[in-house]
Amino acid sequence: MASNSERGYPTNGSVYVCNLPEGTDESMLAEYFGTIGLLKNDKRTGRPKVWLYRDKVTNEPKGDATVTYKDPHAALAAVEWFNDKDFHGSIIGVFMAESMGSNAGVDVPTTAVEGGGFEDDAAKEMDGGGGRGRGRLDSSGKMWQQEGDWLCPNTSCSNVNFSFRGVCN
């Protein structure tokens, strides 16, 4: 699979990580992903820029995250190096995370970071906010999907899931 930079898409240096095992925290991710390049520091906290998605009700991690590198090339290397590799007993998926604002009019995957992330408020309003991964609307209002991705059968959810998921997010 060609990387986004090979396709001519800009990269913001962030990767989306999924299928994380229970008990994963930000420091574990920073240590693991920091082995391939320097992570960007959050301006507010001074800590490595790692975002764990959490359930809004329970505040428990959902099993996915974003990690942001200082150098976008390190992010590309992280996808090649860590995708489909073991992380504390789970085979994780690692993909490029792209900012919607930087790709206006281009049909590419995006990752929203709830409560502190990549998209501006207008972009969040376009698709109702909180989603992530490929189940998103592009700038023309169409769903962006890859072969094998599937729609949640629960009509109140309608999330588009990555093809490797066995259950809906």
N, C-alpha and C. Protein backbone atom coordinates (compact mmCIF):
# COMPACT_ATOMS: atom_id res chain seq x y z
N MET A 1 0.85 -1.18 0.00
CA MET A 1 0.00 0.00 0.00
C MET A 1 0.89 1.24 0.00
N ALA A 2 0.63 2.15 -0.91
CA ALA A 2 1.44 3.37 -0.99
C ALA A 2 1.11 4.29 0.16
N SER A 3 2.11 4.97 0.65
CA SER A 3 1.87 5.91 1.74
C SER A 3 1.25 7.18 1.19
N ASN A 4 0.67 7.99 2.08
CA ASN A 4 0.05 9.23 1.65
C ASN A 4 1.04 10.16 0.98
N SER A 5 2.29 10.20 1.46
CA SER A 5 3.25 11.10 0.85
C SER A 5 3.61 10.64 -0.56
N GLU A 6 3.61 9.33 -0.80
CA GLU A 6 3.87 8.82 -2.14
C GLU A 6 2.73 9.18 -3.08
N ARG A 7 1.54 9.34 -2.55
CA ARG A 7 0.38 9.73 -3.35
C ARG A 7 0.31 11.24 -3.54
N GLY A 8 1.21 11.98 -2.92
CA GLY A 8 1.20 13.42 -3.05
C GLY A 8 0.43 14.12 -1.96
N TYR A 9 -0.06 13.40 -0.95
CA TYR A 9 -0.79 14.01 0.14
C TYR A 9 0.18 14.51 1.20
N PRO A 10 -0.06 15.67 1.76
CA PRO A 10 0.81 16.13 2.83
C PRO A 10 0.55 15.30 4.09
N THR A 11 1.53 15.22 4.94
CA THR A 11 1.36 14.52 6.20
C THR A 11 1.59 15.49 7.33
N ASN A 12 0.82 15.33 8.41
CA ASN A 12 0.99 16.22 9.55
C ASN A 12 1.87 15.58 10.62
N GLY A 13 2.44 14.41 10.33
CA GLY A 13 3.33 13.76 11.28
C GLY A 13 2.61 12.90 12.30
N SER A 14 1.31 12.67 12.11
CA SER A 14 0.54 11.88 13.07
C SER A 14 0.15 10.54 12.50
N VAL A 15 0.13 9.54 13.38
CA VAL A 15 -0.33 8.21 13.00
C VAL A 15 -1.52 7.83 13.87
N TYR A 16 -2.42 7.07 13.29
CA TYR A 16 -3.58 6.51 13.98
C TYR A 16 -3.24 5.07 14.32
N VAL A 17 -3.43 4.69 15.57
CA VAL A 17 -3.09 3.35 16.05
C VAL A 17 -4.37 2.69 16.57
N CYS A 18 -4.63 1.45 16.15
CA CYS A 18 -5.84 0.76 16.61
C CYS A 18 -5.50 -0.65 17.09
N ASN A 19 -6.46 -1.26 17.74
CA ASN A 19 -6.36 -2.60 18.32
C ASN A 19 -5.37 -2.66 19.48
N LEU A 20 -5.33 -1.59 20.26
CA LEU A 20 -4.46 -1.55 21.43
C LEU A 20 -5.02 -2.42 22.54
N PRO A 21 -4.16 -3.11 23.28
CA PRO A 21 -4.64 -3.97 24.37
C PRO A 21 -5.12 -3.16 25.56
N GLU A 22 -5.96 -3.79 26.39
CA GLU A 22 -6.40 -3.15 27.64
C GLU A 22 -5.18 -2.80 28.47
N GLY A 23 -5.26 -1.68 29.19
CA GLY A 23 -4.16 -1.26 30.06
C GLY A 23 -3.15 -0.37 29.38
N THR A 24 -3.31 -0.14 28.07
CA THR A 24 -2.38 0.74 27.35
C THR A 24 -2.57 2.17 27.84
N ASP A 25 -1.47 2.86 28.10
CA ASP A 25 -1.55 4.27 28.48
C ASP A 25 -0.63 5.10 27.58
N GLU A 26 -0.71 6.41 27.75
CA GLU A 26 0.05 7.32 26.91
C GLU A 26 1.56 7.10 27.01
N SER A 27 2.05 6.83 28.22
CA SER A 27 3.50 6.65 28.37
C SER A 27 3.99 5.39 27.67
N MET A 28 3.19 4.33 27.67
CA MET A 28 3.56 3.11 26.95
C MET A 28 3.67 3.38 25.45
N LEU A 29 2.70 4.12 24.93
CA LEU A 29 2.71 4.46 23.50
C LEU A 29 3.88 5.36 23.16
N ALA A 30 4.14 6.36 24.01
CA ALA A 30 5.25 7.28 23.77
C ALA A 30 6.58 6.53 23.75
N GLU A 31 6.75 5.60 24.65
CA GLU A 31 7.99 4.84 24.71
C GLU A 31 8.15 3.96 23.47
N TYR A 32 7.09 3.25 23.10
CA TYR A 32 7.13 2.33 21.96
C TYR A 32 7.34 3.07 20.64
N PHE A 33 6.49 4.09 20.39
CA PHE A 33 6.57 4.80 19.12
C PHE A 33 7.75 5.76 19.06
N GLY A 34 8.27 6.15 20.22
CA GLY A 34 9.43 7.02 20.27
C GLY A 34 10.72 6.33 19.85
N THR A 35 10.71 5.02 19.70
CA THR A 35 11.92 4.31 19.28
C THR A 35 12.27 4.57 17.83
N ILE A 36 11.32 5.08 17.04
CA ILE A 36 11.60 5.29 15.62
C ILE A 36 11.80 6.77 15.26
N GLY A 37 11.47 7.67 16.18
CA GLY A 37 11.65 9.10 15.92
C GLY A 37 11.18 9.92 17.11
N LEU A 38 11.55 11.21 17.11
CA LEU A 38 11.17 12.10 18.20
C LEU A 38 9.69 12.46 18.10
N LEU A 39 9.00 12.31 19.22
CA LEU A 39 7.59 12.68 19.26
C LEU A 39 7.47 14.17 19.53
N LYS A 40 6.44 14.77 18.94
CA LYS A 40 6.14 16.17 19.20
C LYS A 40 5.64 16.31 20.63
N ASN A 41 5.97 17.40 21.29
CA ASN A 41 5.47 17.65 22.63
C ASN A 41 4.23 18.52 22.57
N ASP A 42 3.25 18.20 23.42
CA ASP A 42 2.04 18.99 23.53
C ASP A 42 2.42 20.33 24.14
N LYS A 43 2.01 21.42 23.53
CA LYS A 43 2.37 22.76 24.01
C LYS A 43 1.80 23.05 25.39
N ARG A 44 0.61 22.50 25.67
CA ARG A 44 -0.05 22.77 26.93
C ARG A 44 0.57 21.98 28.08
N THR A 45 0.83 20.68 27.85
CA THR A 45 1.29 19.83 28.94
C THR A 45 2.80 19.60 28.95
N GLY A 46 3.45 19.81 27.80
CA GLY A 46 4.88 19.54 27.69
C GLY A 46 5.20 18.06 27.53
N ARG A 47 4.18 17.21 27.52
CA ARG A 47 4.37 15.77 27.37
C ARG A 47 4.32 15.38 25.90
N PRO A 48 4.79 14.16 25.56
CA PRO A 48 4.68 13.71 24.17
C PRO A 48 3.22 13.76 23.71
N LYS A 49 3.03 14.14 22.44
CA LYS A 49 1.69 14.32 21.89
C LYS A 49 1.11 12.95 21.49
N VAL A 50 0.47 12.33 22.47
CA VAL A 50 -0.18 11.04 22.31
C VAL A 50 -1.61 11.21 22.80
N TRP A 51 -2.57 10.79 21.98
CA TRP A 51 -3.98 10.94 22.35
C TRP A 51 -4.63 9.57 22.35
N LEU A 52 -5.09 9.12 23.51
CA LEU A 52 -5.86 7.88 23.63
C LEU A 52 -7.34 8.21 23.52
N TYR A 53 -8.04 7.56 22.60
CA TYR A 53 -9.48 7.76 22.52
C TYR A 53 -10.12 7.09 23.72
N ARG A 54 -11.07 7.79 24.34
CA ARG A 54 -11.73 7.27 25.53
C ARG A 54 -13.24 7.31 25.36
N ASP A 55 -13.90 6.37 26.01
CA ASP A 55 -15.35 6.33 26.02
C ASP A 55 -15.85 7.56 26.77
N LYS A 56 -16.82 8.24 26.21
CA LYS A 56 -17.32 9.49 26.82
C LYS A 56 -18.02 9.25 28.15
N VAL A 57 -18.59 8.08 28.34
CA VAL A 57 -19.32 7.78 29.58
C VAL A 57 -18.38 7.25 30.66
N THR A 58 -17.59 6.23 30.31
CA THR A 58 -16.76 5.56 31.31
C THR A 58 -15.35 6.13 31.42
N ASN A 59 -14.92 6.89 30.43
CA ASN A 59 -13.56 7.43 30.33
C ASN A 59 -12.50 6.33 30.19
N GLU A 60 -12.93 5.12 29.86
CA GLU A 60 -12.00 4.01 29.63
C GLU A 60 -11.46 4.11 28.20
N PRO A 61 -10.18 3.74 28.00
CA PRO A 61 -9.63 3.74 26.63
C PRO A 61 -10.42 2.81 25.72
N LYS A 62 -10.59 3.25 24.46
CA LYS A 62 -11.36 2.48 23.48
C LYS A 62 -10.49 1.49 22.71
N GLY A 63 -9.17 1.64 22.80
CA GLY A 63 -8.29 0.72 22.07
C GLY A 63 -7.65 1.34 20.85
N ASP A 64 -7.74 2.67 20.72
CA ASP A 64 -7.06 3.33 19.62
C ASP A 64 -6.54 4.69 20.07
N ALA A 65 -5.62 5.23 19.27
CA ALA A 65 -4.91 6.45 19.67
C ALA A 65 -4.32 7.13 18.46
N THR A 66 -3.85 8.36 18.67
CA THR A 66 -2.99 9.02 17.69
C THR A 66 -1.68 9.37 18.38
N VAL A 67 -0.61 9.32 17.60
CA VAL A 67 0.73 9.66 18.06
C VAL A 67 1.30 10.63 17.03
N THR A 68 1.88 11.75 17.49
CA THR A 68 2.38 12.77 16.57
C THR A 68 3.89 12.91 16.71
N TYR A 69 4.56 12.82 15.57
CA TYR A 69 6.02 12.96 15.49
C TYR A 69 6.41 14.38 15.11
N LYS A 70 7.62 14.79 15.51
CA LYS A 70 8.15 16.09 15.09
C LYS A 70 8.41 16.09 13.60
N ASP A 71 8.92 14.99 13.07
CA ASP A 71 9.26 14.87 11.66
C ASP A 71 8.24 13.98 10.96
N PRO A 72 7.54 14.49 9.94
CA PRO A 72 6.55 13.68 9.22
C PRO A 72 7.14 12.40 8.62
N HIS A 73 8.43 12.42 8.30
CA HIS A 73 9.06 11.21 7.75
C HIS A 73 9.10 10.10 8.79
N ALA A 74 9.23 10.46 10.06
CA ALA A 74 9.21 9.46 11.13
C ALA A 74 7.83 8.81 11.22
N ALA A 75 6.79 9.59 10.98
CA ALA A 75 5.43 9.05 10.99
C ALA A 75 5.26 8.03 9.87
N LEU A 76 5.77 8.36 8.69
CA LEU A 76 5.69 7.42 7.57
C LEU A 76 6.45 6.14 7.90
N ALA A 77 7.62 6.29 8.53
CA ALA A 77 8.40 5.12 8.92
C ALA A 77 7.67 4.30 9.98
N ALA A 78 6.97 4.97 10.89
CA ALA A 78 6.23 4.27 11.94
C ALA A 78 5.16 3.38 11.34
N VAL A 79 4.48 3.85 10.31
CA VAL A 79 3.45 3.04 9.65
C VAL A 79 4.10 1.78 9.07
N GLU A 80 5.20 1.96 8.37
CA GLU A 80 5.88 0.82 7.77
C GLU A 80 6.44 -0.12 8.83
N TRP A 81 6.96 0.41 9.91
CA TRP A 81 7.65 -0.39 10.92
C TRP A 81 6.70 -1.07 11.90
N PHE A 82 5.65 -0.36 12.34
CA PHE A 82 4.81 -0.87 13.43
C PHE A 82 3.48 -1.48 13.00
N ASN A 83 2.99 -1.20 11.78
CA ASN A 83 1.70 -1.76 11.37
C ASN A 83 1.76 -3.28 11.35
N ASP A 84 0.74 -3.91 11.89
CA ASP A 84 0.63 -5.37 11.97
C ASP A 84 1.73 -6.01 12.81
N LYS A 85 2.22 -5.28 13.81
CA LYS A 85 3.23 -5.81 14.72
C LYS A 85 2.63 -5.99 16.11
N ASP A 86 3.30 -6.81 16.94
CA ASP A 86 2.85 -7.07 18.29
C ASP A 86 3.16 -5.89 19.21
N PHE A 87 2.16 -5.48 19.97
CA PHE A 87 2.32 -4.46 21.00
C PHE A 87 1.68 -5.01 22.27
N HIS A 88 2.49 -5.46 23.19
CA HIS A 88 2.02 -6.00 24.47
C HIS A 88 0.93 -7.06 24.29
N GLY A 89 1.13 -7.95 23.32
CA GLY A 89 0.20 -9.07 23.14
C GLY A 89 -0.91 -8.86 22.13
N SER A 90 -1.00 -7.69 21.51
CA SER A 90 -2.01 -7.42 20.48
C SER A 90 -1.32 -7.01 19.19
N ILE A 91 -1.85 -7.47 18.06
CA ILE A 91 -1.35 -7.03 16.75
C ILE A 91 -2.06 -5.72 16.44
N ILE A 92 -1.28 -4.64 16.37
CA ILE A 92 -1.87 -3.31 16.18
C ILE A 92 -1.89 -2.90 14.71
N GLY A 93 -2.79 -2.01 14.39
CA GLY A 93 -2.83 -1.38 13.08
C GLY A 93 -2.31 0.04 13.24
N VAL A 94 -1.44 0.47 12.32
CA VAL A 94 -0.87 1.82 12.36
C VAL A 94 -1.04 2.43 10.97
N PHE A 95 -1.70 3.58 10.91
CA PHE A 95 -2.02 4.23 9.65
C PHE A 95 -1.72 5.72 9.75
N MET A 96 -1.50 6.36 8.61
CA MET A 96 -1.31 7.81 8.62
C MET A 96 -2.62 8.48 9.01
N ALA A 97 -2.52 9.49 9.86
CA ALA A 97 -3.67 10.30 10.25
C ALA A 97 -3.51 11.64 9.57
N GLU A 98 -4.51 12.05 8.84
CA GLU A 98 -4.43 13.30 8.09
C GLU A 98 -5.42 14.32 8.59
N SER A 99 -5.03 15.56 8.59
CA SER A 99 -5.90 16.66 8.96
C SER A 99 -6.84 16.96 7.81
N MET A 100 -8.15 17.06 8.10
CA MET A 100 -9.11 17.39 7.05
C MET A 100 -8.83 18.75 6.44
N GLY A 101 -8.49 19.72 7.24
CA GLY A 101 -8.28 21.08 6.75
C GLY A 101 -7.16 21.20 5.75
N SER A 102 -6.16 20.36 5.84
CA SER A 102 -5.02 20.47 4.93
C SER A 102 -5.27 19.78 3.61
N ASN A 103 -6.40 19.07 3.46
CA ASN A 103 -6.67 18.32 2.25
C ASN A 103 -8.01 18.67 1.63
N ALA A 104 -8.41 19.90 1.71
CA ALA A 104 -9.71 20.30 1.21
C ALA A 104 -9.89 19.85 -0.23
N GLY A 105 -10.98 19.13 -0.47
CA GLY A 105 -11.30 18.66 -1.81
C GLY A 105 -10.61 17.37 -2.18
N VAL A 106 -9.77 16.81 -1.34
CA VAL A 106 -9.07 15.58 -1.64
C VAL A 106 -9.68 14.46 -0.81
N ASP A 107 -9.97 13.32 -1.44
CA ASP A 107 -10.62 12.21 -0.78
C ASP A 107 -9.58 11.32 -0.10
N VAL A 108 -9.22 11.63 1.16
CA VAL A 108 -8.22 10.86 1.90
C VAL A 108 -8.79 10.50 3.26
N PRO A 109 -8.23 9.46 3.90
CA PRO A 109 -8.71 9.12 5.24
C PRO A 109 -8.36 10.21 6.22
N THR A 110 -9.22 10.38 7.24
CA THR A 110 -8.95 11.38 8.26
C THR A 110 -9.16 10.76 9.62
N THR A 111 -8.58 11.37 10.61
CA THR A 111 -8.79 10.93 11.98
C THR A 111 -9.10 12.15 12.82
N ALA A 112 -10.26 12.14 13.44
CA ALA A 112 -10.60 13.23 14.35
C ALA A 112 -10.01 12.92 15.71
N VAL A 113 -9.61 13.93 16.41
CA VAL A 113 -9.12 13.74 17.76
C VAL A 113 -10.08 14.48 18.67
N GLU A 114 -10.91 13.70 19.35
CA GLU A 114 -11.95 14.30 20.17
C GLU A 114 -11.35 15.11 21.29
N GLY A 115 -11.78 16.36 21.43
CA GLY A 115 -11.38 17.18 22.55
C GLY A 115 -9.97 17.71 22.50
N GLY A 116 -9.33 17.75 21.36
CA GLY A 116 -8.00 18.34 21.38
C GLY A 116 -7.21 18.01 20.15
N GLY A 117 -7.87 17.96 18.99
CA GLY A 117 -7.15 17.35 17.92
C GLY A 117 -6.96 18.16 16.67
N PHE A 118 -7.07 17.45 15.56
CA PHE A 118 -6.61 17.93 14.28
C PHE A 118 -7.61 18.82 13.58
N GLU A 119 -8.90 18.51 13.72
CA GLU A 119 -9.88 19.21 12.91
C GLU A 119 -10.39 20.48 13.56
N ASP A 120 -10.82 21.41 12.70
CA ASP A 120 -11.42 22.61 13.26
C ASP A 120 -12.90 22.35 13.52
N ASP A 121 -13.58 23.27 14.19
CA ASP A 121 -14.98 23.07 14.55
C ASP A 121 -15.88 22.90 13.35
N ALA A 122 -15.62 23.60 12.26
CA ALA A 122 -16.46 23.49 11.07
C ALA A 122 -16.37 22.08 10.49
N ALA A 123 -15.19 21.50 10.50
CA ALA A 123 -15.03 20.15 9.98
C ALA A 123 -15.76 19.15 10.87
N LYS A 124 -15.73 19.35 12.19
CA LYS A 124 -16.43 18.44 13.09
C LYS A 124 -17.93 18.53 12.87
N GLU A 125 -18.44 19.74 12.62
CA GLU A 125 -19.87 19.90 12.41
C GLU A 125 -20.32 19.21 11.14
N MET A 126 -19.43 19.15 10.14
CA MET A 126 -19.79 18.57 8.86
C MET A 126 -20.23 17.11 9.00
N ASP A 127 -19.59 16.36 9.90
CA ASP A 127 -19.94 14.96 10.02
C ASP A 127 -20.50 14.61 11.38
N GLY A 128 -20.86 15.56 12.18
CA GLY A 128 -21.46 15.26 13.47
C GLY A 128 -20.46 15.08 14.59
N GLY A 129 -19.18 15.32 14.34
CA GLY A 129 -18.20 15.27 15.41
C GLY A 129 -17.55 13.93 15.58
N GLY A 130 -17.62 13.39 16.75
CA GLY A 130 -16.89 12.32 17.35
C GLY A 130 -16.38 11.12 16.61
N GLY A 131 -16.54 10.93 15.33
CA GLY A 131 -16.07 9.72 14.68
C GLY A 131 -14.57 9.67 14.54
N ARG A 132 -14.09 8.58 13.94
CA ARG A 132 -12.67 8.46 13.67
C ARG A 132 -12.46 7.41 12.60
N GLY A 133 -11.25 7.36 12.09
CA GLY A 133 -10.93 6.35 11.08
C GLY A 133 -11.53 6.70 9.74
N ARG A 134 -11.89 5.67 8.97
CA ARG A 134 -12.35 5.88 7.61
C ARG A 134 -13.82 6.22 7.52
N GLY A 135 -14.60 6.01 8.56
CA GLY A 135 -16.03 6.24 8.48
C GLY A 135 -16.37 7.71 8.58
N ARG A 136 -15.87 8.50 7.68
CA ARG A 136 -15.98 9.94 7.75
C ARG A 136 -16.52 10.48 6.45
N LEU A 137 -17.02 11.70 6.48
CA LEU A 137 -17.43 12.39 5.26
C LEU A 137 -16.25 13.17 4.73
N ASP A 138 -16.09 13.15 3.40
CA ASP A 138 -15.05 13.99 2.82
C ASP A 138 -15.64 15.37 2.55
N SER A 139 -14.87 16.23 1.92
CA SER A 139 -15.31 17.61 1.71
C SER A 139 -16.53 17.72 0.80
N SER A 140 -16.79 16.68 -0.01
CA SER A 140 -17.96 16.72 -0.87
C SER A 140 -19.19 16.11 -0.20
N GLY A 141 -19.03 15.61 1.04
CA GLY A 141 -20.14 15.04 1.77
C GLY A 141 -20.32 13.55 1.55
N LYS A 142 -19.39 12.90 0.81
CA LYS A 142 -19.47 11.46 0.57
C LYS A 142 -18.70 10.71 1.65
N MET A 143 -19.14 9.47 1.95
CA MET A 143 -18.38 8.63 2.87
C MET A 143 -17.09 8.20 2.18
N TRP A 144 -16.00 8.16 2.94
CA TRP A 144 -14.73 7.69 2.44
C TRP A 144 -14.54 6.28 2.95
N GLN A 145 -14.38 5.31 2.06
CA GLN A 145 -14.21 3.93 2.46
C GLN A 145 -13.18 3.23 1.59
N GLN A 146 -12.63 2.15 2.14
CA GLN A 146 -11.79 1.26 1.36
C GLN A 146 -12.51 -0.07 1.25
N GLU A 147 -12.11 -0.89 0.29
CA GLU A 147 -12.72 -2.18 0.08
C GLU A 147 -12.72 -3.00 1.38
N GLY A 148 -13.85 -3.57 1.71
CA GLY A 148 -13.96 -4.40 2.90
C GLY A 148 -14.46 -3.66 4.13
N ASP A 149 -14.40 -2.32 4.14
CA ASP A 149 -14.94 -1.56 5.27
C ASP A 149 -16.45 -1.82 5.31
N TRP A 150 -17.03 -1.77 6.50
CA TRP A 150 -18.44 -2.15 6.62
C TRP A 150 -19.21 -1.19 7.51
N LEU A 151 -20.49 -1.06 7.21
CA LEU A 151 -21.40 -0.17 7.93
C LEU A 151 -22.02 -0.93 9.09
N CYS A 152 -22.03 -0.31 10.26
CA CYS A 152 -22.64 -0.93 11.44
C CYS A 152 -24.12 -1.19 11.15
N PRO A 153 -24.59 -2.41 11.44
CA PRO A 153 -26.00 -2.72 11.15
C PRO A 153 -26.97 -2.02 12.10
N ASN A 154 -26.50 -1.48 13.21
CA ASN A 154 -27.36 -0.74 14.14
C ASN A 154 -27.71 0.60 13.50
N THR A 155 -28.96 0.81 13.17
CA THR A 155 -29.38 2.02 12.45
C THR A 155 -29.16 3.30 13.25
N SER A 156 -29.09 3.20 14.57
CA SER A 156 -28.83 4.40 15.36
C SER A 156 -27.34 4.74 15.39
N CYS A 157 -26.49 3.82 14.93
CA CYS A 157 -25.04 4.05 14.92
C CYS A 157 -24.55 4.47 13.54
N SER A 158 -24.71 3.60 12.56
CA SER A 158 -24.31 3.85 11.17
C SER A 158 -22.83 4.18 11.00
N ASN A 159 -21.97 3.73 11.91
CA ASN A 159 -20.53 3.96 11.80
C ASN A 159 -19.96 3.08 10.69
N VAL A 160 -19.04 3.61 9.90
CA VAL A 160 -18.31 2.82 8.92
C VAL A 160 -17.03 2.35 9.60
N ASN A 161 -16.85 1.03 9.66
CA ASN A 161 -15.74 0.42 10.38
C ASN A 161 -14.66 -0.08 9.43
N PHE A 162 -13.40 -0.08 9.89
CA PHE A 162 -12.31 -0.68 9.14
C PHE A 162 -12.63 -2.14 8.87
N SER A 163 -12.15 -2.66 7.76
CA SER A 163 -12.47 -4.03 7.36
C SER A 163 -11.99 -5.06 8.37
N PHE A 164 -10.91 -4.79 9.11
CA PHE A 164 -10.37 -5.78 10.04
C PHE A 164 -11.15 -5.87 11.34
N ARG A 165 -12.07 -4.95 11.61
CA ARG A 165 -12.82 -4.97 12.86
C ARG A 165 -13.91 -6.05 12.81
N GLY A 166 -14.03 -6.79 13.89
CA GLY A 166 -15.06 -7.81 14.01
C GLY A 166 -16.33 -7.27 14.61
N VAL A 167 -16.22 -6.17 15.38
CA VAL A 167 -17.38 -5.53 16.00
C VAL A 167 -17.27 -4.04 15.76
N CYS A 168 -18.39 -3.37 15.84
CA CYS A 168 -18.42 -1.91 15.61
C CYS A 168 -17.73 -1.17 16.75
N ASN A 169 -17.14 -0.03 16.44
CA ASN A 169 -16.53 0.82 17.45
C ASN A 169 -17.55 1.29 18.44
